[in-house]
Amino acid sequence: MDTSRQVKDAAPLRPVRVWDLPTRLFHWLLVGAVVGLAITGQIGGGALQWHFRLGYLVLALLVFRLLWGLAGGRWSRFGSFVHGPATILRHLRGQSAADELHHVGHNPLGALSVLAMLGLLAVQVACGLVADDEIANVGPLNHLVSSNVAALATGWHKGPGKLLLIALIVLHVGAIVFYRVRKNTDLVGPMLRGDKLLPPHIPPSRDDSRTRLGAAVLLVGCLGLAAFVASMAR
């Protein structure tokens, strides 16, 4: 009998830092930016200036998240939640091993949702950078591609890409509601507070002043990159 495991399982729950502050700020800034993009894109006209600005912000945030997924807190790193097909299948069958700790950060299905949304947002931003609505709005990198590529990118950005992104967002929100109602699991609270009630043996994410300073420097660099891309407009 594994008495050490019994002791761990019987230990009282305590707040454990899962989502570091940079990850939480990224998440909520991205939510606000995407909502703003949807509104300004729908309004059109002069609001498209803000659509472009928010697009540059999303570009900076995506680059930041890519890098933070390598250097951020333990549960924000891709290595903690990106899994292979075998692990995903075990999770779907309810056969995940206890030491896989899928309940701490993103579980395998949640990870697929996150990756799909980030990937689709990256495609949307890339298409927006080369798009041309043939009226008054041209992406800053449009001059680097052919007119055919620009037309395809514009069509995707305004059509299938937008609809797929809306579908993913609805699915994401639906999953949050499902976990709250059916499994009594709050997914929003930890992304606001950073902590989850977990057994004391669960390792926390590092989230100290040094980590936050490093994230701030990284974000400034990403914003600078986005500003450079914007400056390439002709």
C-alpha atoms as a PDB file:
ATOM      1  CA  MET A   1       0.000   0.000   0.000  1.00  0.00           C
ATOM      2  CA  ASP A   2       1.342   3.457  -0.953  1.00  0.00           C
ATOM      3  CA  THR A   3       1.050   5.235   2.385  1.00  0.00           C
ATOM      4  CA  SER A   4       2.835   8.330   1.059  1.00  0.00           C
ATOM      5  CA  ARG A   5       0.142   8.749  -1.593  1.00  0.00           C
ATOM      6  CA  GLN A   6      -2.568   8.352   1.072  1.00  0.00           C
ATOM      7  CA  VAL A   7      -0.937  11.058   3.176  1.00  0.00           C
ATOM      8  CA  LYS A   8      -0.779  13.367   0.165  1.00  0.00           C
ATOM      9  CA  ASP A   9      -4.409  12.725  -0.773  1.00  0.00           C
ATOM     10  CA  ALA A  10      -5.542  13.299   2.832  1.00  0.00           C
ATOM     11  CA  ALA A  11      -3.643  16.586   3.177  1.00  0.00           C
ATOM     12  CA  PRO A  12      -5.825  19.703   3.465  1.00  0.00           C
ATOM     13  CA  LEU A  13      -6.140  21.871   0.391  1.00  0.00           C
ATOM     14  CA  ARG A  14      -4.323  25.178   0.256  1.00  0.00           C
ATOM     15  CA  PRO A  15      -4.042  28.023  -2.265  1.00  0.00           C
ATOM     16  CA  VAL A  16      -1.408  27.174  -4.855  1.00  0.00           C
ATOM     17  CA  ARG A  17      -0.264  29.728  -7.440  1.00  0.00           C
ATOM     18  CA  VAL A  18      -1.152  28.211 -10.806  1.00  0.00           C
ATOM     19  CA  TRP A  19      -1.502  31.204 -13.129  1.00  0.00           C
ATOM     20  CA  ASP A  20       1.239  33.797 -12.717  1.00  0.00           C
ATOM     21  CA  LEU A  21       0.369  37.468 -13.073  1.00  0.00           C
ATOM     22  CA  PRO A  22       1.829  37.842 -16.606  1.00  0.00           C
ATOM     23  CA  THR A  23      -0.318  34.942 -17.844  1.00  0.00           C
ATOM     24  CA  ARG A  24      -3.441  36.398 -16.255  1.00  0.00           C
ATOM     25  CA  LEU A  25      -2.793  39.848 -17.717  1.00  0.00           C
ATOM     26  CA  PHE A  26      -2.178  38.301 -21.123  1.00  0.00           C
ATOM     27  CA  HIS A  27      -5.448  36.403 -20.907  1.00  0.00           C
ATOM     28  CA  TRP A  28      -7.643  39.359 -19.976  1.00  0.00           C
ATOM     29  CA  LEU A  29      -5.895  41.787 -22.326  1.00  0.00           C
ATOM     30  CA  LEU A  30      -6.458  39.296 -25.134  1.00  0.00           C
ATOM     31  CA  VAL A  31     -10.132  38.934 -24.195  1.00  0.00           C
ATOM     32  CA  GLY A  32     -10.596  42.708 -24.258  1.00  0.00           C
ATOM     33  CA  ALA A  33      -8.682  43.088 -27.519  1.00  0.00           C
ATOM     34  CA  VAL A  34     -10.669  40.368 -29.285  1.00  0.00           C
ATOM     35  CA  VAL A  35     -13.961  41.883 -28.130  1.00  0.00           C
ATOM     36  CA  GLY A  36     -12.775  45.270 -29.372  1.00  0.00           C
ATOM     37  CA  LEU A  37     -11.716  43.775 -32.703  1.00  0.00           C
ATOM     38  CA  ALA A  38     -15.148  42.233 -33.173  1.00  0.00           C
ATOM     39  CA  ILE A  39     -16.903  45.521 -32.400  1.00  0.00           C
ATOM     40  CA  THR A  40     -14.664  47.761 -34.520  1.00  0.00           C
ATOM     41  CA  GLY A  41     -14.685  45.294 -37.398  1.00  0.00           C
ATOM     42  CA  GLN A  42     -18.467  45.237 -37.374  1.00  0.00           C
ATOM     43  CA  ILE A  43     -18.784  49.030 -37.201  1.00  0.00           C
ATOM     44  CA  GLY A  44     -16.268  49.629 -39.980  1.00  0.00           C
ATOM     45  CA  GLY A  45     -15.510  53.117 -41.274  1.00  0.00           C
ATOM     46  CA  GLY A  46     -13.374  55.192 -38.934  1.00  0.00           C
ATOM     47  CA  ALA A  47     -13.495  52.458 -36.293  1.00  0.00           C
ATOM     48  CA  LEU A  48     -11.171  50.379 -38.467  1.00  0.00           C
ATOM     49  CA  GLN A  49      -8.275  52.528 -37.287  1.00  0.00           C
ATOM     50  CA  TRP A  50      -8.862  51.062 -33.842  1.00  0.00           C
ATOM     51  CA  HIS A  51      -9.327  47.657 -35.439  1.00  0.00           C
ATOM     52  CA  PHE A  52      -5.770  47.886 -36.756  1.00  0.00           C
ATOM     53  CA  ARG A  53      -4.410  49.157 -33.435  1.00  0.00           C
ATOM     54  CA  LEU A  54      -6.052  46.313 -31.550  1.00  0.00           C
ATOM     55  CA  GLY A  55      -4.709  43.910 -34.165  1.00  0.00           C
ATOM     56  CA  TYR A  56      -1.173  45.115 -33.441  1.00  0.00           C
ATOM     57  CA  LEU A  57      -1.844  44.616 -29.734  1.00  0.00           C
ATOM     58  CA  VAL A  58      -2.979  41.051 -30.387  1.00  0.00           C
ATOM     59  CA  LEU A  59       0.169  40.471 -32.451  1.00  0.00           C
ATOM     60  CA  ALA A  60       2.309  41.627 -29.510  1.00  0.00           C
ATOM     61  CA  LEU A  61       0.312  39.494 -27.066  1.00  0.00           C
ATOM     62  CA  LEU A  62       0.605  36.373 -29.221  1.00  0.00           C
ATOM     63  CA  VAL A  63       4.368  36.740 -29.556  1.00  0.00           C
ATOM     64  CA  PHE A  64       4.559  37.335 -25.798  1.00  0.00           C
ATOM     65  CA  ARG A  65       2.522  34.194 -25.061  1.00  0.00           C
ATOM     66  CA  LEU A  66       4.690  32.123 -27.385  1.00  0.00           C
ATOM     67  CA  LEU A  67       7.820  33.197 -25.530  1.00  0.00           C
ATOM     68  CA  TRP A  68       6.155  33.044 -22.109  1.00  0.00           C
ATOM     69  CA  GLY A  69       5.121  29.492 -22.904  1.00  0.00           C
ATOM     70  CA  LEU A  70       8.823  28.674 -22.838  1.00  0.00           C
ATOM     71  CA  ALA A  71       9.992  30.861 -19.952  1.00  0.00           C
ATOM     72  CA  GLY A  72       6.923  31.556 -17.806  1.00  0.00           C
ATOM     73  CA  GLY A  73       5.569  29.986 -14.645  1.00  0.00           C
ATOM     74  CA  ARG A  74       5.412  26.201 -14.425  1.00  0.00           C
ATOM     75  CA  TRP A  75       1.733  25.828 -15.387  1.00  0.00           C
ATOM     76  CA  SER A  76       1.924  28.475 -18.118  1.00  0.00           C
ATOM     77  CA  ARG A  77       4.640  26.624 -20.014  1.00  0.00           C
ATOM     78  CA  PHE A  78       3.645  24.611 -23.048  1.00  0.00           C
ATOM     79  CA  GLY A  79       5.512  21.656 -21.602  1.00  0.00           C
ATOM     80  CA  SER A  80       2.961  21.440 -18.781  1.00  0.00           C
ATOM     81  CA  PHE A  81      -0.142  21.187 -20.964  1.00  0.00           C
ATOM     82  CA  VAL A  82       0.768  20.266 -24.549  1.00  0.00           C
ATOM     83  CA  HIS A  83       0.351  16.492 -24.798  1.00  0.00           C
ATOM     84  CA  GLY A  84       0.601  13.805 -27.414  1.00  0.00           C
ATOM     85  CA  PRO A  85      -2.308  11.746 -28.815  1.00  0.00           C
ATOM     86  CA  ALA A  86      -1.831   8.911 -26.313  1.00  0.00           C
ATOM     87  CA  THR A  87      -2.198  11.228 -23.319  1.00  0.00           C
ATOM     88  CA  ILE A  88      -5.268  12.872 -24.848  1.00  0.00           C
ATOM     89  CA  LEU A  89      -6.896   9.471 -25.471  1.00  0.00           C
ATOM     90  CA  ARG A  90      -6.214   8.375 -21.887  1.00  0.00           C
ATOM     91  CA  HIS A  91      -7.832  11.571 -20.657  1.00  0.00           C
ATOM     92  CA  LEU A  92     -10.910  11.009 -22.829  1.00  0.00           C
ATOM     93  CA  ARG A  93     -11.217   7.468 -21.464  1.00  0.00           C
ATOM     94  CA  GLY A  94     -10.850   8.686 -17.879  1.00  0.00           C
ATOM     95  CA  GLN A  95      -7.606   6.741 -17.505  1.00  0.00           C
ATOM     96  CA  SER A  96      -5.174   9.581 -16.836  1.00  0.00           C
ATOM     97  CA  ALA A  97      -2.492   8.783 -14.294  1.00  0.00           C
ATOM     98  CA  ALA A  98      -2.679  10.709 -11.022  1.00  0.00           C
ATOM     99  CA  ASP A  99       0.832  12.100 -11.466  1.00  0.00           C
ATOM    100  CA  GLU A 100      -0.131  13.734 -14.775  1.00  0.00           C
ATOM    101  CA  LEU A 101      -1.879  16.482 -12.761  1.00  0.00           C
ATOM    102  CA  HIS A 102      -4.314  17.437 -15.530  1.00  0.00           C
ATOM    103  CA  HIS A 103      -6.573  19.070 -12.945  1.00  0.00           C
ATOM    104  CA  VAL A 104      -4.035  21.758 -12.065  1.00  0.00           C
ATOM    105  CA  GLY A 105      -3.604  23.786 -15.252  1.00  0.00           C
ATOM    106  CA  HIS A 106      -5.085  23.074 -18.653  1.00  0.00           C
ATOM    107  CA  ASN A 107      -6.305  19.509 -19.128  1.00  0.00           C
ATOM    108  CA  PRO A 108      -5.563  17.905 -22.537  1.00  0.00           C
ATOM    109  CA  LEU A 109      -8.880  19.012 -24.072  1.00  0.00           C
ATOM    110  CA  GLY A 110      -8.532  22.507 -22.654  1.00  0.00           C
ATOM    111  CA  ALA A 111      -5.013  22.643 -24.053  1.00  0.00           C
ATOM    112  CA  LEU A 112      -6.293  21.792 -27.530  1.00  0.00           C
ATOM    113  CA  SER A 113      -8.842  24.597 -27.236  1.00  0.00           C
ATOM    114  CA  VAL A 114      -6.158  27.082 -26.157  1.00  0.00           C
ATOM    115  CA  LEU A 115      -3.797  26.068 -28.958  1.00  0.00           C
ATOM    116  CA  ALA A 116      -6.572  26.195 -31.548  1.00  0.00           C
ATOM    117  CA  MET A 117      -7.620  29.677 -30.462  1.00  0.00           C
ATOM    118  CA  LEU A 118      -4.061  31.022 -30.373  1.00  0.00           C
ATOM    119  CA  GLY A 119      -3.320  29.454 -33.747  1.00  0.00           C
ATOM    120  CA  LEU A 120      -6.449  30.850 -35.360  1.00  0.00           C
ATOM    121  CA  LEU A 121      -5.790  34.291 -33.890  1.00  0.00           C
ATOM    122  CA  ALA A 122      -2.274  34.153 -35.331  1.00  0.00           C
ATOM    123  CA  VAL A 123      -3.691  33.324 -38.766  1.00  0.00           C
ATOM    124  CA  GLN A 124      -6.248  36.128 -38.457  1.00  0.00           C
ATOM    125  CA  VAL A 125      -3.540  38.632 -37.540  1.00  0.00           C
ATOM    126  CA  ALA A 126      -1.287  37.437 -40.360  1.00  0.00           C
ATOM    127  CA  CYS A 127      -4.123  37.780 -42.869  1.00  0.00           C
ATOM    128  CA  GLY A 128      -5.007  41.228 -41.542  1.00  0.00           C
ATOM    129  CA  LEU A 129      -1.410  42.390 -41.990  1.00  0.00           C
ATOM    130  CA  VAL A 130      -1.537  41.706 -45.727  1.00  0.00           C
ATOM    131  CA  ALA A 131      -5.242  42.377 -46.348  1.00  0.00           C
ATOM    132  CA  ASP A 132      -6.639  45.001 -48.705  1.00  0.00           C
ATOM    133  CA  ASP A 133     -10.349  45.865 -48.647  1.00  0.00           C
ATOM    134  CA  GLU A 134      -9.878  47.882 -51.881  1.00  0.00           C
ATOM    135  CA  ILE A 135     -11.544  50.871 -50.221  1.00  0.00           C
ATOM    136  CA  ALA A 136      -9.329  52.637 -47.715  1.00  0.00           C
ATOM    137  CA  ASN A 137      -7.722  50.029 -45.483  1.00  0.00           C
ATOM    138  CA  VAL A 138      -4.559  48.144 -46.350  1.00  0.00           C
ATOM    139  CA  GLY A 139      -2.454  45.996 -44.055  1.00  0.00           C
ATOM    140  CA  PRO A 140       1.110  47.217 -43.420  1.00  0.00           C
ATOM    141  CA  LEU A 141       2.637  44.147 -45.083  1.00  0.00           C
ATOM    142  CA  ASN A 142       0.336  44.136 -48.098  1.00  0.00           C
ATOM    143  CA  HIS A 143       3.122  45.353 -50.377  1.00  0.00           C
ATOM    144  CA  LEU A 144       5.117  42.210 -49.625  1.00  0.00           C
ATOM    145  CA  VAL A 145       2.570  39.825 -51.200  1.00  0.00           C
ATOM    146  CA  SER A 146       0.850  39.470 -54.555  1.00  0.00           C
ATOM    147  CA  SER A 147      -2.648  40.792 -55.190  1.00  0.00           C
ATOM    148  CA  ASN A 148      -3.968  37.212 -55.316  1.00  0.00           C
ATOM    149  CA  VAL A 149      -2.512  36.385 -51.900  1.00  0.00           C
ATOM    150  CA  ALA A 150      -3.893  39.651 -50.498  1.00  0.00           C
ATOM    151  CA  ALA A 151      -7.350  38.854 -51.866  1.00  0.00           C
ATOM    152  CA  LEU A 152      -7.299  35.348 -50.364  1.00  0.00           C
ATOM    153  CA  ALA A 153      -6.100  36.702 -47.010  1.00  0.00           C
ATOM    154  CA  THR A 154      -8.766  39.407 -46.990  1.00  0.00           C
ATOM    155  CA  GLY A 155     -11.501  36.917 -47.824  1.00  0.00           C
ATOM    156  CA  TRP A 156     -10.384  34.562 -45.051  1.00  0.00           C
ATOM    157  CA  HIS A 157      -9.990  37.379 -42.510  1.00  0.00           C
ATOM    158  CA  LYS A 158     -13.481  38.750 -43.113  1.00  0.00           C
ATOM    159  CA  GLY A 159     -15.224  35.413 -43.707  1.00  0.00           C
ATOM    160  CA  PRO A 160     -14.280  31.872 -42.580  1.00  0.00           C
ATOM    161  CA  GLY A 161     -11.556  33.026 -40.187  1.00  0.00           C
ATOM    162  CA  LYS A 162     -13.925  35.328 -38.312  1.00  0.00           C
ATOM    163  CA  LEU A 163     -16.659  32.701 -38.141  1.00  0.00           C
ATOM    164  CA  LEU A 164     -14.273  30.001 -36.911  1.00  0.00           C
ATOM    165  CA  LEU A 165     -12.944  32.327 -34.234  1.00  0.00           C
ATOM    166  CA  ILE A 166     -16.469  33.116 -33.044  1.00  0.00           C
ATOM    167  CA  ALA A 167     -17.234  29.384 -32.927  1.00  0.00           C
ATOM    168  CA  LEU A 168     -14.119  28.695 -30.854  1.00  0.00           C
ATOM    169  CA  ILE A 169     -14.973  31.501 -28.443  1.00  0.00           C
ATOM    170  CA  VAL A 170     -18.522  30.177 -28.020  1.00  0.00           C
ATOM    171  CA  LEU A 171     -17.116  26.673 -27.437  1.00  0.00           C
ATOM    172  CA  HIS A 172     -14.623  28.054 -24.915  1.00  0.00           C
ATOM    173  CA  VAL A 173     -17.298  29.941 -22.975  1.00  0.00           C
ATOM    174  CA  GLY A 174     -19.592  26.907 -23.152  1.00  0.00           C
ATOM    175  CA  ALA A 175     -16.869  24.715 -21.643  1.00  0.00           C
ATOM    176  CA  ILE A 176     -16.422  27.202 -18.782  1.00  0.00           C
ATOM    177  CA  VAL A 177     -20.166  27.133 -18.070  1.00  0.00           C
ATOM    178  CA  PHE A 178     -20.255  23.318 -18.326  1.00  0.00           C
ATOM    179  CA  TYR A 179     -17.444  22.895 -15.808  1.00  0.00           C
ATOM    180  CA  ARG A 180     -19.114  25.350 -13.465  1.00  0.00           C
ATOM    181  CA  VAL A 181     -22.609  23.850 -13.659  1.00  0.00           C
ATOM    182  CA  ARG A 182     -21.946  20.144 -14.146  1.00  0.00           C
ATOM    183  CA  LYS A 183     -18.607  19.648 -12.410  1.00  0.00           C
ATOM    184  CA  ASN A 184     -18.738  22.495  -9.874  1.00  0.00           C
ATOM    185  CA  THR A 185     -15.328  23.658 -11.074  1.00  0.00           C
ATOM    186  CA  ASP A 186     -14.592  27.374 -11.290  1.00  0.00           C
ATOM    187  CA  LEU A 187     -12.239  28.097 -14.189  1.00  0.00           C
ATOM    188  CA  VAL A 188     -12.646  31.882 -14.149  1.00  0.00           C
ATOM    189  CA  GLY A 189     -11.725  32.542 -10.513  1.00  0.00           C
ATOM    190  CA  PRO A 190      -8.202  31.099 -10.724  1.00  0.00           C
ATOM    191  CA  MET A 191      -7.544  33.149 -13.876  1.00  0.00           C
ATOM    192  CA  LEU A 192      -8.476  36.243 -11.846  1.00  0.00           C
ATOM    193  CA  ARG A 193      -6.787  35.386  -8.543  1.00  0.00           C
ATOM    194  CA  GLY A 194      -3.994  33.160  -9.814  1.00  0.00           C
ATOM    195  CA  ASP A 195      -4.504  30.515  -7.110  1.00  0.00           C
ATOM    196  CA  LYS A 196      -6.409  27.230  -6.926  1.00  0.00           C
ATOM    197  CA  LEU A 197      -7.179  25.154  -3.869  1.00  0.00           C
ATOM    198  CA  LEU A 198      -4.943  22.129  -4.279  1.00  0.00           C
ATOM    199  CA  PRO A 199      -3.045  19.599  -2.140  1.00  0.00           C
ATOM    200  CA  PRO A 200       0.171  21.060  -0.697  1.00  0.00           C
ATOM    201  CA  HIS A 201       2.408  18.717  -2.725  1.00  0.00           C
ATOM    202  CA  ILE A 202       1.375  20.400  -5.991  1.00  0.00           C
ATOM    203  CA  PRO A 203       4.280  22.591  -7.156  1.00  0.00           C
ATOM    204  CA  PRO A 204       3.333  26.250  -7.708  1.00  0.00           C
ATOM    205  CA  SER A 205       4.216  28.503 -10.599  1.00  0.00           C
ATOM    206  CA  ARG A 206       6.918  31.037  -9.869  1.00  0.00           C
ATOM    207  CA  ASP A 207       5.349  34.482  -9.660  1.00  0.00           C
ATOM    208  CA  ASP A 208       7.668  36.885  -7.879  1.00  0.00           C
ATOM    209  CA  SER A 209       8.887  40.419  -8.619  1.00  0.00           C
ATOM    210  CA  ARG A 210      11.819  39.150 -10.678  1.00  0.00           C
ATOM    211  CA  THR A 211       9.531  37.023 -12.850  1.00  0.00           C
ATOM    212  CA  ARG A 212       7.110  39.910 -13.350  1.00  0.00           C
ATOM    213  CA  LEU A 213       9.926  42.322 -14.245  1.00  0.00           C
ATOM    214  CA  GLY A 214      11.204  39.863 -16.832  1.00  0.00           C
ATOM    215  CA  ALA A 215       7.700  39.533 -18.263  1.00  0.00           C
ATOM    216  CA  ALA A 216       7.332  43.323 -18.420  1.00  0.00           C
ATOM    217  CA  VAL A 217      10.597  43.661 -20.336  1.00  0.00           C
ATOM    218  CA  LEU A 218       9.504  40.872 -22.670  1.00  0.00           C
ATOM    219  CA  LEU A 219       6.122  42.511 -23.278  1.00  0.00           C
ATOM    220  CA  VAL A 220       7.751  45.858 -24.064  1.00  0.00           C
ATOM    221  CA  GLY A 221       9.915  44.091 -26.625  1.00  0.00           C
ATOM    222  CA  CYS A 222       6.853  42.439 -28.172  1.00  0.00           C
ATOM    223  CA  LEU A 223       5.033  45.778 -28.332  1.00  0.00           C
ATOM    224  CA  GLY A 224       8.105  47.236 -30.025  1.00  0.00           C
ATOM    225  CA  LEU A 225       8.004  44.450 -32.594  1.00  0.00           C
ATOM    226  CA  ALA A 226       4.321  45.152 -33.277  1.00  0.00           C
ATOM    227  CA  ALA A 227       5.079  48.874 -33.637  1.00  0.00           C
ATOM    228  CA  PHE A 228       7.844  48.061 -36.126  1.00  0.00           C
ATOM    229  CA  VAL A 229       5.435  45.946 -38.175  1.00  0.00           C
ATOM    230  CA  ALA A 230       2.917  48.796 -38.149  1.00  0.00           C
ATOM    231  CA  SER A 231       5.602  51.212 -39.347  1.00  0.00           C
ATOM    232  CA  MET A 232       6.119  49.141 -42.493  1.00  0.00           C
ATOM    233  CA  ALA A 233       2.871  50.442 -43.970  1.00  0.00           C
ATOM    234  CA  ARG A 234       3.257  52.393 -47.217  1.00  0.00           C
END
